[in-house]
């Protein structure tokens, strides 16, 4: 697969994705920066208030507001309110930016899939996209932005600790640094465990998808228990991998608090043994400030873990094929009305269809005939630019079409597949695909004898989670849409298969009506369809 530098996110990291979105959302970025800094400053103010209160209770006579613990506590309360308010604003801005990053990533993924043309990703890759997009979006939400906020919160804490007691601060660092290096090694182990967990999860989902697709086969053959046993075994393996990864992840997250507690314990031991020249008030102030470092330390560890997960997810997304941006050819390659001249030379899909060539004059019909498996559908897909291995040349109205040029901008073809899909939405949503006018498509449905669909469905939701359509109904919708687009070339794949006599007669009548008005390429083994064609190419 191509990994060209022109890819939107071939070498992208969670940081660069976050940075690019931050640049594109300056208002929310500014709010995050300002609110985050203010939140950190008031976090430090809370810590300082606690430290001063501790000094006051310890009887430090050098403090202002001597003997006025209520004043210090009131200052701390005010700082807590301010910190909470700015924290809400910072969280709002962070959520907006992370959501925008997720949308950017989805847009790039969809653009890559659509623009990849003949280099479509494998079903295995597609099966992983949804989960990886969620991982990457969560990484942006909990990764760089959270790291930045945690670091900014730790800055006033570190300044306060150094001001209260440089000696104790240095001692805390001596404990923290080697512990942090140990955590880095643990994160590497977690990364390997997480990769293993993701692979195991992918395998389970792929097998589950295969089970659902072939459910009738397993039931009719009485082999369901074999599939169930396989899924149980794979599920157990995936669960074990997930448990390992989550256990290590939780341990790493908790270790950040353990790290802070260990540093604090070392400080107390040194102070209690008189090994450092510090007074009791300084120890109390140090502890009060250090206590408020626990949450940012934990957030920092969790954010780094989320960051690593996002990097792994982005690596999978980066395996998508590189979209090819083909330049627009000179002139207008796809007239929107009237038949087109289609010229095909030695078009074939290796090992799936023989080479085919024909010169289809405007308004004429060519039929591809042959037994099931001869390659008729593969040739239609090759005409559409959807077969990666297709060979040969295609030109429309004398303008050559390059292999990676897909869609009506380059190939003005209205396609009616044998198993026409239905997208999630209303009937009109489905009829609009390809730029068709729904009202015009309603008329085409009436011509096909399927006007009852419009009355029955109305605004009913179709597709995922909605009303299912039969194979014949899907065929009506697809054919009516193709006729209503006004595209000059119709590609029809077995248009009469599976239809009753009345529906079949309606399709044949439509084919007679479009002769001379559209150029038609039809794949069929129906003798009556073949009789309507001007030329018949029989595939061996």
Protein backbone atom coordinates (compact mmCIF):
# COMPACT_ATOMS: atom_id res chain seq x y z
CA UNK A 1 0.00 0.00 0.00
CA UNK A 2 1.18 3.47 -0.75
CA UNK A 3 2.56 5.58 2.06
CA UNK A 4 3.13 8.76 0.15
CA UNK A 5 3.89 11.92 2.05
CA UNK A 6 0.79 13.42 0.46
CA UNK A 7 -1.38 11.19 2.59
CA UNK A 8 -3.47 13.24 5.03
CA UNK A 9 -2.29 11.22 8.03
CA UNK A 10 0.19 8.58 6.90
CA UNK A 11 2.81 9.80 9.39
CA UNK A 12 0.41 11.60 11.67
CA UNK A 13 0.72 11.33 15.45
CA UNK A 14 -1.87 12.21 18.06
CA UNK A 15 0.11 15.38 18.72
CA UNK A 16 0.15 16.55 15.11
CA UNK A 17 -3.56 15.79 14.71
CA UNK A 18 -4.32 17.79 17.86
CA UNK A 19 -2.08 20.63 16.72
CA UNK A 20 -3.66 20.82 13.29
CA UNK A 21 -7.16 20.93 14.77
CA UNK A 22 -6.04 23.58 17.26
CA UNK A 23 -4.88 25.75 14.38
CA UNK A 24 -8.21 25.25 12.62
CA UNK A 25 -10.19 26.15 15.77
CA UNK A 26 -8.42 29.31 17.03
CA UNK A 27 -11.31 30.50 19.23
CA UNK A 28 -11.57 27.23 21.17
CA UNK A 29 -7.79 26.93 21.27
CA UNK A 30 -7.49 30.41 22.79
CA UNK A 31 -10.17 29.57 25.35
CA UNK A 32 -8.37 26.33 26.26
CA UNK A 33 -5.04 28.15 26.69
CA UNK A 34 -6.43 31.02 28.75
CA UNK A 35 -8.78 28.88 30.84
CA UNK A 36 -6.12 26.19 31.28
CA UNK A 37 -3.54 28.69 32.52
CA UNK A 38 -6.04 30.33 34.87
CA UNK A 39 -7.16 26.91 36.10
CA UNK A 40 -3.52 25.99 36.79
CA UNK A 41 -2.81 29.29 38.55
CA UNK A 42 -5.80 28.92 40.83
CA UNK A 43 -4.83 25.28 41.41
CA UNK A 44 -1.52 26.66 42.60
CA UNK A 45 -3.36 29.29 44.65
CA UNK A 46 -5.31 26.53 46.41
CA UNK A 47 -2.03 24.78 47.17
CA UNK A 48 -0.45 27.99 48.45
CA UNK A 49 -3.49 28.73 50.61
CA UNK A 50 -3.24 25.25 52.10
CA UNK A 51 0.47 25.76 52.71
CA UNK A 52 -0.05 29.12 54.38
CA UNK A 53 -2.85 27.69 56.49
CA UNK A 54 -0.54 24.88 57.58
CA UNK A 55 2.17 27.37 58.49
CA UNK A 56 -0.37 29.44 60.40
CA UNK A 57 -1.56 26.44 62.38
CA UNK A 58 2.08 25.50 63.05
CA UNK A 59 2.61 28.95 64.56
CA UNK A 60 4.85 30.50 61.92
CA UNK A 61 5.10 34.08 63.16
CA UNK A 62 6.53 35.37 59.86
CA UNK A 63 3.24 34.90 58.00
CA UNK A 64 0.82 37.69 57.10
CA UNK A 65 -2.66 37.42 58.58
CA UNK A 66 -1.11 35.97 61.72
CA UNK A 67 -3.71 34.13 63.75
CA UNK A 68 -6.32 34.55 61.02
CA UNK A 69 -6.77 30.99 59.76
CA UNK A 70 -10.32 31.89 58.72
CA UNK A 71 -9.00 34.48 56.28
CA UNK A 72 -6.58 31.97 54.74
CA UNK A 73 -9.31 29.31 54.49
CA UNK A 74 -11.60 31.87 52.84
CA UNK A 75 -8.88 32.69 50.32
CA UNK A 76 -8.53 28.99 49.60
CA UNK A 77 -12.28 28.62 49.13
CA UNK A 78 -12.35 31.52 46.68
CA UNK A 79 -9.44 29.96 44.79
CA UNK A 80 -11.32 26.63 44.65
CA UNK A 81 -14.39 28.35 43.15
CA UNK A 82 -12.26 30.15 40.57
CA UNK A 83 -10.36 26.97 39.76
CA UNK A 84 -13.64 25.09 39.26
CA UNK A 85 -15.04 27.76 36.93
CA UNK A 86 -11.95 27.90 34.76
CA UNK A 87 -11.76 24.11 34.86
CA UNK A 88 -15.25 23.92 33.36
CA UNK A 89 -14.28 26.35 30.59
CA UNK A 90 -11.05 24.46 29.89
CA UNK A 91 -12.93 21.14 29.76
CA UNK A 92 -15.50 22.65 27.39
CA UNK A 93 -12.79 23.91 25.04
CA UNK A 94 -10.92 20.60 25.27
CA UNK A 95 -14.08 18.66 24.41
CA UNK A 96 -14.76 20.92 21.45
CA UNK A 97 -11.23 20.49 20.13
CA UNK A 98 -11.16 16.73 20.65
CA UNK A 99 -14.55 16.38 18.94
CA UNK A 100 -13.26 18.47 16.04
CA UNK A 101 -10.16 16.26 15.87
CA UNK A 102 -12.35 13.16 15.71
CA UNK A 103 -14.45 14.71 12.97
CA UNK A 104 -11.31 15.68 11.05
CA UNK A 105 -10.03 12.13 11.30
CA UNK A 106 -13.37 10.69 10.14
CA UNK A 107 -13.47 13.14 7.24
CA UNK A 108 -9.95 12.15 6.21
CA UNK A 109 -10.77 8.45 6.47
CA UNK A 110 -13.93 8.82 4.38
CA UNK A 111 -12.07 10.95 1.83
CA UNK A 112 -9.35 8.31 1.63
CA UNK A 113 -11.91 5.55 1.04
CA UNK A 114 -13.80 7.55 -1.57
CA UNK A 115 -10.76 8.88 -3.40
CA UNK A 116 -8.84 5.63 -3.31
CA UNK A 117 -10.73 4.55 -6.42
CA UNK A 118 -9.69 1.10 -7.53
CA UNK A 119 -7.34 0.72 -4.58
CA UNK A 120 -10.12 -0.03 -2.14
CA UNK A 121 -9.12 -1.37 1.30
CA UNK A 122 -9.60 -5.00 2.19
CA UNK A 123 -12.67 -6.08 4.20
CA UNK A 124 -10.33 -6.79 7.14
CA UNK A 125 -9.12 -3.18 7.13
CA UNK A 126 -12.65 -1.83 6.86
CA UNK A 127 -13.74 -3.97 9.83
CA UNK A 128 -11.17 -2.22 12.02
CA UNK A 129 -11.95 1.36 11.06
CA UNK A 130 -14.79 2.05 13.48
CA UNK A 131 -12.99 0.84 16.59
CA UNK A 132 -9.75 2.58 15.58
CA UNK A 133 -11.52 5.87 14.97
CA UNK A 134 -12.99 5.69 18.47
CA UNK A 135 -9.55 4.94 19.91
CA UNK A 136 -7.96 7.85 18.06
CA UNK A 137 -10.71 10.29 19.04
CA UNK A 138 -10.42 9.24 22.68
CA UNK A 139 -6.66 9.67 22.48
CA UNK A 140 -7.06 13.26 21.33
CA UNK A 141 -9.60 13.93 24.07
CA UNK A 142 -7.45 12.36 26.81
CA UNK A 143 -3.98 12.71 25.28
CA UNK A 144 -2.10 15.90 24.33
CA UNK A 145 -4.70 18.33 25.67
CA UNK A 146 -4.82 16.49 29.02
CA UNK A 147 -1.03 16.23 29.11
CA UNK A 148 -0.77 19.98 28.56
CA UNK A 149 -3.32 20.74 31.27
CA UNK A 150 -1.63 18.41 33.76
CA UNK A 151 1.80 19.88 33.07
CA UNK A 152 0.50 23.45 33.41
CA UNK A 153 -1.12 22.52 36.74
CA UNK A 154 2.14 21.01 37.99
CA UNK A 155 4.17 24.15 37.21
CA UNK A 156 2.82 26.33 40.08
CA UNK A 157 2.97 23.29 42.35
CA UNK A 158 6.66 22.81 41.51
CA UNK A 159 7.36 26.53 42.01
CA UNK A 160 5.61 26.46 45.38
CA UNK A 161 7.50 23.38 46.53
CA UNK A 162 10.84 24.88 45.53
CA UNK A 163 9.98 28.13 47.33
CA UNK A 164 8.88 26.38 50.54
CA UNK A 165 11.90 24.06 50.75
CA UNK A 166 14.48 23.57 47.98
CA UNK A 167 16.04 20.75 50.00
CA UNK A 168 12.83 18.73 50.29
CA UNK A 169 11.99 19.43 46.63
CA UNK A 170 15.36 18.06 45.54
CA UNK A 171 14.81 15.00 47.71
CA UNK A 172 11.38 14.41 46.14
CA UNK A 173 12.94 14.59 42.65
CA UNK A 174 15.56 12.02 43.62
CA UNK A 175 12.70 9.61 44.37
CA UNK A 176 10.51 10.61 41.42
CA UNK A 177 13.03 10.35 38.56
CA UNK A 178 14.06 6.66 38.85
CA UNK A 179 10.45 5.70 39.56
CA UNK A 180 9.38 7.52 36.38
CA UNK A 181 11.96 5.61 34.34
CA UNK A 182 10.53 2.35 35.70
CA UNK A 183 7.05 3.46 34.64
CA UNK A 184 8.33 4.13 31.12
CA UNK A 185 9.46 0.51 30.87
CA UNK A 186 6.07 -0.61 32.16
CA UNK A 187 4.35 1.47 29.49
CA UNK A 188 6.34 -0.32 26.81
CA UNK A 189 5.08 -3.64 28.18
CA UNK A 190 1.56 -2.25 28.26
CA UNK A 191 1.90 -1.15 24.63
CA UNK A 192 2.79 -4.68 23.54
CA UNK A 193 -0.12 -6.09 25.55
CA UNK A 194 -2.48 -3.54 24.05
CA UNK A 195 -1.39 -4.41 20.51
CA UNK A 196 -2.03 -8.09 21.24
CA UNK A 197 -5.44 -7.25 22.69
CA UNK A 198 -6.43 -5.20 19.63
CA UNK A 199 -5.40 -7.99 17.24
CA UNK A 200 -7.36 -10.56 19.23
CA UNK A 201 -10.41 -8.28 19.31
CA UNK A 202 -10.19 -7.74 15.55
CA UNK A 203 -10.15 -11.48 14.96
CA UNK A 204 -13.24 -12.01 17.11
CA UNK A 205 -15.17 -9.29 15.27
CA UNK A 206 -14.16 -10.65 11.87
CA UNK A 207 -15.30 -14.17 12.79
CA UNK A 208 -18.54 -12.80 14.25
CA UNK A 209 -19.17 -10.88 11.05
CA UNK A 210 -18.55 -14.05 9.04
CA UNK A 211 -20.97 -15.98 11.26
CA UNK A 212 -23.74 -13.43 10.75
CA UNK A 213 -23.22 -13.27 6.97
CA UNK A 214 -23.48 -17.05 6.63
CA UNK A 215 -25.97 -17.73 9.41
CA UNK A 216 -28.38 -19.63 7.16
CA UNK A 217 -25.58 -21.89 5.94
CA UNK A 218 -24.48 -22.83 9.46
CA UNK A 219 -28.06 -23.47 10.54
CA UNK A 220 -28.99 -25.54 7.51
CA UNK A 221 -25.80 -27.63 7.79
CA UNK A 222 -26.14 -28.10 11.52
CA UNK A 223 -22.63 -26.71 11.96
CA UNK A 224 -23.49 -23.85 14.27
CA UNK A 225 -21.79 -25.50 17.24
CA UNK A 226 -18.46 -25.56 15.41
CA UNK A 227 -18.68 -21.80 14.78
CA UNK A 228 -19.79 -21.23 18.36
CA UNK A 229 -16.84 -23.21 19.71
CA UNK A 230 -14.44 -21.24 17.49
CA UNK A 231 -15.87 -17.92 18.64
CA UNK A 232 -15.75 -19.05 22.27
CA UNK A 233 -12.08 -19.94 21.94
CA UNK A 234 -11.21 -16.71 20.16
CA UNK A 235 -13.29 -14.73 22.64
CA UNK A 236 -11.43 -16.30 25.56
CA UNK A 237 -8.10 -15.42 23.98
CA UNK A 238 -9.25 -11.86 23.34
CA UNK A 239 -10.56 -11.55 26.90
CA UNK A 240 -7.26 -12.76 28.34
CA UNK A 241 -5.32 -10.28 26.21
CA UNK A 242 -7.68 -7.48 27.21
CA UNK A 243 -7.41 -8.35 30.90
CA UNK A 244 -3.61 -8.27 30.69
CA UNK A 245 -3.62 -4.91 28.94
CA UNK A 246 -6.18 -3.36 31.28
CA UNK A 247 -4.44 -4.70 34.38
CA UNK A 248 -1.12 -3.21 33.33
CA UNK A 249 -2.86 0.04 32.36
CA UNK A 250 -4.61 0.36 35.74
CA UNK A 251 -1.36 -0.50 37.51
CA UNK A 252 0.47 2.24 35.59
CA UNK A 253 -2.30 4.74 36.37
CA UNK A 254 -2.23 3.87 40.06
CA UNK A 255 1.56 3.92 40.06
CA UNK A 256 1.52 7.67 39.52
CA UNK A 257 -0.20 8.12 42.87
CA UNK A 258 2.12 5.57 44.43
CA UNK A 259 4.98 7.61 43.00
CA UNK A 260 3.72 10.74 44.73
CA UNK A 261 3.12 8.92 48.02
CA UNK A 262 6.62 7.43 47.92
CA UNK A 263 8.18 10.84 47.39
CA UNK A 264 6.12 12.28 50.23
CA UNK A 265 7.12 9.41 52.52
CA UNK A 266 10.79 9.99 51.76
CA UNK A 267 10.38 13.67 52.63
CA UNK A 268 8.73 12.85 55.96
CA UNK A 269 11.40 10.30 56.87
CA UNK A 270 14.19 12.75 56.16
CA UNK A 271 12.45 15.54 58.09
CA UNK A 272 11.59 13.31 61.08
CA UNK A 273 15.15 12.02 61.33
CA UNK A 274 16.58 15.52 61.23
CA UNK A 275 18.55 14.74 58.10
CA UNK A 276 17.58 18.05 56.45
CA UNK A 277 17.67 21.53 57.92
CA UNK A 278 13.95 22.25 57.72
CA UNK A 279 11.47 23.38 60.33
CA UNK A 280 8.13 21.79 61.07
CA UNK A 281 6.14 24.61 59.47
CA UNK A 282 8.01 24.12 56.19
CA UNK A 283 7.30 20.38 56.28
CA UNK A 284 3.58 21.01 56.79
CA UNK A 285 3.52 23.59 53.99
CA UNK A 286 5.44 21.22 51.70
CA UNK A 287 2.99 18.39 52.37
CA UNK A 288 -0.02 20.65 51.78
CA UNK A 289 1.28 21.73 48.38
CA UNK A 290 2.54 18.29 47.40
CA UNK A 291 -0.85 16.74 48.17
CA UNK A 292 -2.44 18.79 45.37
CA UNK A 293 0.05 17.33 42.87
CA UNK A 294 -1.56 13.87 43.12
CA UNK A 295 -4.42 14.52 40.69
CA UNK A 296 -2.29 16.17 37.95
CA UNK A 297 0.25 13.34 38.26
CA UNK A 298 -2.47 10.73 37.77
CA UNK A 299 -4.00 12.69 34.89
CA UNK A 300 -0.57 12.89 33.30
CA UNK A 301 -0.09 9.13 33.47
CA UNK A 302 -3.58 8.38 32.13
CA UNK A 303 -3.11 10.88 29.31
CA UNK A 304 0.17 9.30 28.25
CA UNK A 305 -1.49 5.87 28.17
CA UNK A 306 -4.35 7.21 26.05
CA UNK A 307 -1.79 8.86 23.80
CA UNK A 308 -0.08 5.52 23.16
CA UNK A 309 -3.41 3.86 22.38
CA UNK A 310 -4.19 6.60 19.90
CA UNK A 311 -0.86 6.15 18.15
CA UNK A 312 -1.59 2.46 17.67
CA UNK A 313 -5.04 3.26 16.27
CA UNK A 314 -3.62 5.82 13.87
CA UNK A 315 -1.13 3.27 12.57
CA UNK A 316 -4.06 1.10 11.47
CA UNK A 317 -5.78 4.06 9.85
CA UNK A 318 -2.53 4.94 8.10
CA UNK A 319 -2.62 1.53 6.39
CA UNK A 320 -5.51 2.74 4.27
CA UNK A 321 -4.58 3.23 0.63
CA UNK A 322 -3.33 6.61 -0.50
CA UNK A 323 -6.08 8.57 -2.25
CA UNK A 324 -5.14 9.54 -5.76
CA UNK A 325 -6.20 13.06 -6.72
CA UNK A 326 -6.44 12.87 -10.49
CA UNK A 327 -6.53 16.18 -12.31
CA UNK A 328 -9.68 17.10 -14.15
CA UNK A 329 -9.30 16.24 -17.83
CA UNK A 330 -9.60 19.08 -20.32
CA UNK A 331 -13.08 19.84 -21.51
CA UNK A 332 -16.27 18.27 -20.19
CA UNK A 333 -15.87 14.47 -20.08
CA UNK A 334 -19.39 13.72 -18.93
CA UNK A 335 -22.36 15.39 -20.62
CA UNK A 336 -25.40 15.35 -18.35
CA UNK A 337 -27.93 14.73 -21.10
CA UNK A 338 -28.09 12.67 -24.25
CA UNK A 339 -26.33 9.36 -24.93
CA UNK A 340 -22.55 9.08 -24.90
CA UNK A 341 -20.00 7.37 -27.11
CA UNK A 342 -18.24 4.63 -25.13
CA UNK A 343 -15.09 2.99 -26.48
CA UNK A 344 -13.53 -0.02 -24.73
CA UNK A 345 -10.28 -1.80 -25.66
CA UNK A 346 -9.14 -5.12 -24.17
CA UNK A 347 -10.87 -4.53 -20.87
CA UNK A 348 -10.46 -7.47 -18.51
CA UNK A 349 -10.01 -8.50 -14.91
CA UNK A 350 -7.18 -11.07 -14.81
CA UNK A 351 -8.33 -14.55 -13.75
CA UNK A 352 -11.94 -13.36 -13.58
CA UNK A 353 -12.98 -12.18 -17.04
CA UNK A 354 -11.61 -12.41 -20.59
CA UNK A 355 -10.53 -9.31 -22.56
CA UNK A 356 -13.46 -7.46 -24.08
CA UNK A 357 -13.55 -4.63 -26.58
CA UNK A 358 -16.42 -2.75 -28.20
CA UNK A 359 -17.32 0.61 -29.65
CA UNK A 360 -20.73 1.69 -28.37
CA UNK A 361 -22.21 4.47 -30.46
CA UNK A 362 -24.50 6.98 -28.72
CA UNK A 363 -27.93 5.54 -28.01
CA UNK A 364 -27.02 1.92 -28.73
CA UNK A 365 -27.05 -1.11 -26.45
CA UNK A 366 -24.42 -3.78 -26.00
CA UNK A 367 -25.07 -6.95 -24.00
CA UNK A 368 -22.55 -9.07 -22.15
CA UNK A 369 -23.79 -12.65 -22.21
CA UNK A 370 -22.39 -15.78 -20.68
CA UNK A 371 -22.84 -18.38 -18.01
CA UNK A 372 -22.75 -17.58 -14.31
CA UNK A 373 -19.16 -16.90 -13.30
CA UNK A 374 -18.05 -15.89 -16.80
CA UNK A 375 -17.06 -12.44 -15.54
CA UNK A 376 -19.95 -10.20 -16.58
CA UNK A 377 -20.23 -8.42 -13.21
CA UNK A 378 -16.45 -8.05 -13.00
CA UNK A 379 -16.40 -6.31 -16.38
CA UNK A 380 -19.13 -3.87 -15.31
CA UNK A 381 -17.16 -3.10 -12.15
CA UNK A 382 -14.04 -2.63 -14.29
CA UNK A 383 -15.95 -0.11 -16.42
CA UNK A 384 -16.78 1.74 -13.22
CA UNK A 385 -13.13 1.73 -12.12
CA UNK A 386 -13.86 -0.45 -9.08
CA UNK A 387 -11.57 -3.39 -9.92
CA UNK A 388 -7.97 -2.83 -8.74
CA UNK A 389 -6.44 -5.33 -11.18
CA UNK A 390 -8.43 -4.34 -14.26
CA UNK A 391 -6.52 -3.90 -17.52
CA UNK A 392 -7.48 -2.20 -20.76
CA UNK A 393 -8.61 1.21 -21.95
CA UNK A 394 -11.89 3.07 -21.59
CA UNK A 395 -12.84 6.39 -23.19
CA UNK A 396 -16.03 8.44 -23.08
CA UNK A 397 -16.80 10.70 -26.02
CA UNK A 398 -13.18 10.38 -27.11
CA UNK A 399 -11.78 11.34 -23.70
CA UNK A 400 -9.62 8.58 -22.10
CA UNK A 401 -10.52 7.65 -18.53
CA UNK A 402 -7.59 6.90 -16.24
CA UNK A 403 -7.74 3.83 -13.96
CA UNK A 404 -7.96 5.90 -10.77
CA UNK A 405 -10.65 8.24 -12.06
CA UNK A 406 -13.84 7.03 -10.44
CA UNK A 407 -17.28 8.59 -10.29
CA UNK A 408 -19.59 10.49 -12.65
CA UNK A 409 -17.13 13.37 -13.03
CA UNK A 410 -15.02 11.00 -15.12
CA UNK A 411 -17.30 8.05 -15.86
CA UNK A 412 -20.85 9.29 -16.52
CA UNK A 413 -22.36 5.90 -15.76
CA UNK A 414 -25.55 5.15 -13.86
CA UNK A 415 -25.05 1.72 -12.31
CA UNK A 416 -27.79 -0.72 -11.36
CA UNK A 417 -26.10 -3.64 -9.55
CA UNK A 418 -27.77 -7.00 -9.26
CA UNK A 419 -27.89 -6.76 -5.47
CA UNK A 420 -28.73 -3.08 -5.08
CA UNK A 421 -27.85 -1.68 -1.63
CA UNK A 422 -30.05 0.62 0.45
CA UNK A 423 -28.54 3.38 2.57
CA UNK A 424 -29.88 4.49 5.92
CA UNK A 425 -32.55 7.13 5.36
CA UNK A 426 -35.89 7.68 3.65
CA UNK A 427 -36.91 6.53 0.17
CA UNK A 428 -36.15 10.01 -1.19
CA UNK A 429 -32.71 9.92 0.46
CA UNK A 430 -32.00 6.76 -1.49
CA UNK A 431 -33.37 8.21 -4.71
CA UNK A 432 -31.16 11.32 -4.38
CA UNK A 433 -27.94 9.33 -4.58
CA UNK A 434 -26.08 10.28 -7.74
CA UNK A 435 -27.87 13.61 -8.01
CA UNK A 436 -31.26 12.25 -9.04
CA UNK A 437 -34.37 14.38 -8.55
CA UNK A 438 -36.68 12.43 -6.17
CA UNK A 439 -39.81 13.69 -7.90
CA UNK A 440 -38.48 12.55 -11.26
CA UNK A 441 -37.50 9.23 -9.71
CA UNK A 442 -41.07 8.86 -8.40
CA UNK A 443 -42.24 9.07 -11.99
CA UNK A 444 -39.72 6.42 -13.02
CA UNK A 445 -41.03 4.16 -10.27
CA UNK A 446 -44.52 4.64 -11.66
CA UNK A 447 -43.26 3.69 -15.14
CA UNK A 448 -41.81 0.52 -13.65
CA UNK A 449 -45.12 -0.28 -12.00
CA UNK A 450 -43.72 0.38 -8.52
CA UNK A 451 -45.50 3.62 -7.59
CA UNK A 452 -46.97 1.76 -4.60
CA UNK A 453 -43.51 2.04 -3.00
CA UNK A 454 -43.86 5.81 -2.77
CA UNK A 455 -47.27 5.52 -1.13
CA UNK A 456 -46.22 2.73 1.24
CA UNK A 457 -42.88 4.09 2.36
CA UNK A 458 -43.30 7.87 2.49
CA UNK A 459 -40.77 9.12 5.04
CA UNK A 460 -40.24 5.67 6.57
CA UNK A 461 -36.65 5.04 7.55
CA UNK A 462 -34.95 2.41 5.42
CA UNK A 463 -31.66 0.61 5.82
CA UNK A 464 -29.89 0.08 9.14
CA UNK A 465 -32.42 0.02 11.96
CA UNK A 466 -35.30 0.77 9.57
CA UNK A 467 -37.73 -1.07 7.32
CA UNK A 468 -35.99 -3.70 5.18
CA UNK A 469 -36.65 -3.81 1.43
CA UNK A 470 -36.93 -6.98 -0.60
CA UNK A 471 -34.51 -7.67 -3.43
CA UNK A 472 -37.11 -6.63 -6.00
CA UNK A 473 -37.91 -3.39 -4.17
CA UNK A 474 -34.22 -2.53 -3.95
CA UNK A 475 -33.94 -3.19 -7.70
CA UNK A 476 -36.83 -0.77 -8.38
CA UNK A 477 -35.21 1.95 -6.30
CA UNK A 478 -31.83 1.48 -7.97
CA UNK A 479 -33.25 1.43 -11.49
CA UNK A 480 -35.52 4.44 -10.93
CA UNK A 481 -32.57 6.36 -9.48
CA UNK A 482 -30.34 5.48 -12.45
CA UNK A 483 -33.00 6.58 -14.93
CA UNK A 484 -33.61 9.83 -13.04
CA UNK A 485 -29.95 10.86 -12.88
CA UNK A 486 -29.86 11.72 -16.57
CA UNK A 487 -26.38 10.19 -16.86
CA UNK A 488 -25.78 9.23 -20.49
CA UNK A 489 -24.65 5.61 -19.94
CA UNK A 490 -26.62 2.92 -18.12
CA UNK A 491 -24.80 -0.12 -16.70
CA UNK A 492 -27.30 -2.83 -15.82
CA UNK A 493 -26.33 -6.08 -14.10
CA UNK A 494 -28.91 -8.83 -14.64
CA UNK A 495 -31.87 -6.40 -14.51
CA UNK A 496 -34.55 -9.11 -14.82
CA UNK A 497 -33.17 -11.80 -12.51
CA UNK A 498 -35.49 -12.74 -9.66
CA UNK A 499 -38.45 -10.68 -10.92
CA UNK A 500 -41.95 -11.99 -11.49
CA UNK A 501 -43.47 -11.89 -14.97
CA UNK A 502 -45.16 -8.50 -14.50
CA UNK A 503 -42.07 -6.80 -13.07
CA UNK A 504 -39.88 -8.39 -15.74
CA UNK A 505 -42.17 -7.06 -18.47
CA UNK A 506 -41.94 -3.56 -16.97
CA UNK A 507 -38.12 -3.67 -17.04
CA UNK A 508 -38.13 -4.86 -20.66
CA UNK A 509 -40.50 -2.01 -21.55
CA UNK A 510 -38.14 0.51 -19.93
CA UNK A 511 -35.18 -0.90 -21.88
CA UNK A 512 -37.12 -0.38 -25.10
CA UNK A 513 -37.94 3.20 -24.08
CA UNK A 514 -34.32 4.18 -23.37
CA UNK A 515 -33.01 2.89 -26.70
CA UNK A 516 -31.68 5.84 -28.63
CA UNK A 517 -31.85 8.06 -25.52
CA UNK A 518 -29.15 6.38 -23.44
CA UNK A 519 -26.12 4.27 -24.21
CA UNK A 520 -26.63 0.96 -22.43
CA UNK A 521 -24.28 -1.83 -21.33
CA UNK A 522 -26.24 -4.73 -19.89
CA UNK A 523 -25.01 -7.99 -18.40
CA UNK A 524 -27.64 -10.69 -18.76
CA UNK A 525 -28.41 -14.23 -19.74
CA UNK A 526 -32.09 -13.41 -20.34
CA UNK A 527 -32.86 -14.09 -24.02
CA UNK A 528 -35.43 -11.29 -24.21
CA UNK A 529 -32.91 -8.78 -22.85
CA UNK A 530 -30.27 -10.00 -25.30
CA UNK A 531 -32.77 -9.64 -28.15
CA UNK A 532 -33.04 -5.90 -27.42
CA UNK A 533 -29.28 -5.35 -27.73
CA UNK A 534 -27.66 -4.02 -30.88
CA UNK A 535 -24.58 -6.14 -30.18
CA UNK A 536 -24.09 -9.19 -27.98
CA UNK A 537 -20.67 -10.17 -26.64
CA UNK A 538 -20.69 -13.74 -25.37
CA UNK A 539 -18.10 -14.46 -22.73
CA UNK A 540 -16.59 -17.96 -22.80
